[in-house]
């Protein structure tokens, strides 16, 4: 039960990062309340990943950096869930 909860939390964190990536890449209105809510959750969850890679393409930077944060949460929580189980 605890392992499932931990895995679910990791999936939720990754989903938040992916939604933020999509909002940024597709040019969502940054004044929108939903955008602000997701941004408020996604940026702290991204930890040290934003700005890690600079490719010269802003959208690619967003996908790589925030995508790495999503993969990180899935990996770390998956590892913790296995240890707990």
C-alpha atoms as a PDB file:
ATOM      1  CA  UNK A   1       0.000   0.000   0.000  1.00  0.00           C
ATOM      2  CA  UNK A   2       2.756   2.457   0.930  1.00  0.00           C
ATOM      3  CA  UNK A   3       4.727   1.570  -2.196  1.00  0.00           C
ATOM      4  CA  UNK A   4       1.705   2.335  -4.385  1.00  0.00           C
ATOM      5  CA  UNK A   5       1.209   5.668  -2.641  1.00  0.00           C
ATOM      6  CA  UNK A   6       4.845   6.622  -3.162  1.00  0.00           C
ATOM      7  CA  UNK A   7       4.680   5.624  -6.826  1.00  0.00           C
ATOM      8  CA  UNK A   8       1.465   7.602  -7.231  1.00  0.00           C
ATOM      9  CA  UNK A   9       3.044  10.697  -5.744  1.00  0.00           C
ATOM     10  CA  UNK A  10       5.950  10.392  -8.172  1.00  0.00           C
ATOM     11  CA  UNK A  11       3.535  10.031 -11.080  1.00  0.00           C
ATOM     12  CA  UNK A  12       1.613  13.102  -9.909  1.00  0.00           C
ATOM     13  CA  UNK A  13       4.845  15.135  -9.725  1.00  0.00           C
ATOM     14  CA  UNK A  14       5.793  13.988 -13.242  1.00  0.00           C
ATOM     15  CA  UNK A  15       2.325  14.866 -14.579  1.00  0.00           C
ATOM     16  CA  UNK A  16       2.626  18.370 -13.119  1.00  0.00           C
ATOM     17  CA  UNK A  17       5.970  18.804 -14.892  1.00  0.00           C
ATOM     18  CA  UNK A  18       4.580  17.513 -18.207  1.00  0.00           C
ATOM     19  CA  UNK A  19       1.538  19.802 -18.015  1.00  0.00           C
ATOM     20  CA  UNK A  20       3.853  22.760 -17.326  1.00  0.00           C
ATOM     21  CA  UNK A  21       6.022  21.793 -20.305  1.00  0.00           C
ATOM     22  CA  UNK A  22       2.966  21.663 -22.564  1.00  0.00           C
ATOM     23  CA  UNK A  23       1.654  25.006 -21.307  1.00  0.00           C
ATOM     24  CA  UNK A  24       5.003  26.692 -21.954  1.00  0.00           C
ATOM     25  CA  UNK A  25       5.690  25.102 -25.330  1.00  0.00           C
ATOM     26  CA  UNK A  26       2.211  25.832 -26.686  1.00  0.00           C
ATOM     27  CA  UNK A  27       2.331  29.435 -25.435  1.00  0.00           C
ATOM     28  CA  UNK A  28      -0.369  29.439 -22.782  1.00  0.00           C
ATOM     29  CA  UNK A  29      -1.426  32.794 -21.324  1.00  0.00           C
ATOM     30  CA  UNK A  30       0.889  33.267 -18.355  1.00  0.00           C
ATOM     31  CA  UNK A  31      -1.645  35.515 -16.629  1.00  0.00           C
ATOM     32  CA  UNK A  32      -4.170  32.666 -16.518  1.00  0.00           C
ATOM     33  CA  UNK A  33      -4.932  31.313 -13.034  1.00  0.00           C
ATOM     34  CA  UNK A  34      -4.494  27.677 -14.091  1.00  0.00           C
ATOM     35  CA  UNK A  35      -1.092  28.469 -15.592  1.00  0.00           C
ATOM     36  CA  UNK A  36      -0.059  30.263 -12.414  1.00  0.00           C
ATOM     37  CA  UNK A  37      -1.201  27.333 -10.277  1.00  0.00           C
ATOM     38  CA  UNK A  38       0.728  24.773 -12.337  1.00  0.00           C
ATOM     39  CA  UNK A  39       3.782  27.037 -12.459  1.00  0.00           C
ATOM     40  CA  UNK A  40       3.691  27.413  -8.676  1.00  0.00           C
ATOM     41  CA  UNK A  41       3.826  23.630  -8.303  1.00  0.00           C
ATOM     42  CA  UNK A  42       6.142  22.793 -11.222  1.00  0.00           C
ATOM     43  CA  UNK A  43       8.997  25.175 -10.570  1.00  0.00           C
ATOM     44  CA  UNK A  44       9.813  23.962  -7.034  1.00  0.00           C
ATOM     45  CA  UNK A  45       9.417  20.340  -8.167  1.00  0.00           C
ATOM     46  CA  UNK A  46      11.912  20.922 -10.980  1.00  0.00           C
ATOM     47  CA  UNK A  47      14.648  21.292  -8.330  1.00  0.00           C
ATOM     48  CA  UNK A  48      17.986  22.085 -10.003  1.00  0.00           C
ATOM     49  CA  UNK A  49      17.025  21.015 -13.541  1.00  0.00           C
ATOM     50  CA  UNK A  50      15.869  24.353 -15.059  1.00  0.00           C
ATOM     51  CA  UNK A  51      18.839  25.965 -16.763  1.00  0.00           C
ATOM     52  CA  UNK A  52      20.873  22.760 -16.710  1.00  0.00           C
ATOM     53  CA  UNK A  53      21.033  22.508 -20.502  1.00  0.00           C
ATOM     54  CA  UNK A  54      21.095  25.374 -23.012  1.00  0.00           C
ATOM     55  CA  UNK A  55      20.590  24.348 -26.625  1.00  0.00           C
ATOM     56  CA  UNK A  56      19.815  27.740 -28.088  1.00  0.00           C
ATOM     57  CA  UNK A  57      16.210  26.719 -28.678  1.00  0.00           C
ATOM     58  CA  UNK A  58      13.952  27.902 -25.846  1.00  0.00           C
ATOM     59  CA  UNK A  59      11.266  25.262 -26.306  1.00  0.00           C
ATOM     60  CA  UNK A  60      13.811  22.454 -26.510  1.00  0.00           C
ATOM     61  CA  UNK A  61      15.451  23.745 -23.327  1.00  0.00           C
ATOM     62  CA  UNK A  62      12.094  23.625 -21.552  1.00  0.00           C
ATOM     63  CA  UNK A  63      11.338  20.104 -22.754  1.00  0.00           C
ATOM     64  CA  UNK A  64      14.783  18.789 -21.813  1.00  0.00           C
ATOM     65  CA  UNK A  65      15.150  20.482 -18.446  1.00  0.00           C
ATOM     66  CA  UNK A  66      11.621  20.016 -17.099  1.00  0.00           C
ATOM     67  CA  UNK A  67      11.373  16.613 -18.764  1.00  0.00           C
ATOM     68  CA  UNK A  68      14.458  15.513 -16.847  1.00  0.00           C
ATOM     69  CA  UNK A  69      12.758  16.651 -13.656  1.00  0.00           C
ATOM     70  CA  UNK A  70       9.719  14.506 -14.492  1.00  0.00           C
ATOM     71  CA  UNK A  71      11.910  11.464 -15.194  1.00  0.00           C
ATOM     72  CA  UNK A  72      13.847  12.143 -11.991  1.00  0.00           C
ATOM     73  CA  UNK A  73      10.668  12.023  -9.886  1.00  0.00           C
ATOM     74  CA  UNK A  74       9.500   8.824 -11.547  1.00  0.00           C
ATOM     75  CA  UNK A  75      12.895   7.194 -11.011  1.00  0.00           C
ATOM     76  CA  UNK A  76      13.414   8.316  -7.414  1.00  0.00           C
ATOM     77  CA  UNK A  77       9.914   7.526  -6.203  1.00  0.00           C
ATOM     78  CA  UNK A  78       9.987   4.211  -8.069  1.00  0.00           C
ATOM     79  CA  UNK A  79      13.226   3.330  -6.330  1.00  0.00           C
ATOM     80  CA  UNK A  80      11.843   4.330  -2.934  1.00  0.00           C
ATOM     81  CA  UNK A  81       8.648   2.366  -3.605  1.00  0.00           C
ATOM     82  CA  UNK A  82      10.687  -0.762  -4.373  1.00  0.00           C
ATOM     83  CA  UNK A  83      12.661  -0.383  -1.166  1.00  0.00           C
ATOM     84  CA  UNK A  84       9.461   0.063   0.844  1.00  0.00           C
ATOM     85  CA  UNK A  85       7.786  -2.922  -0.819  1.00  0.00           C
END
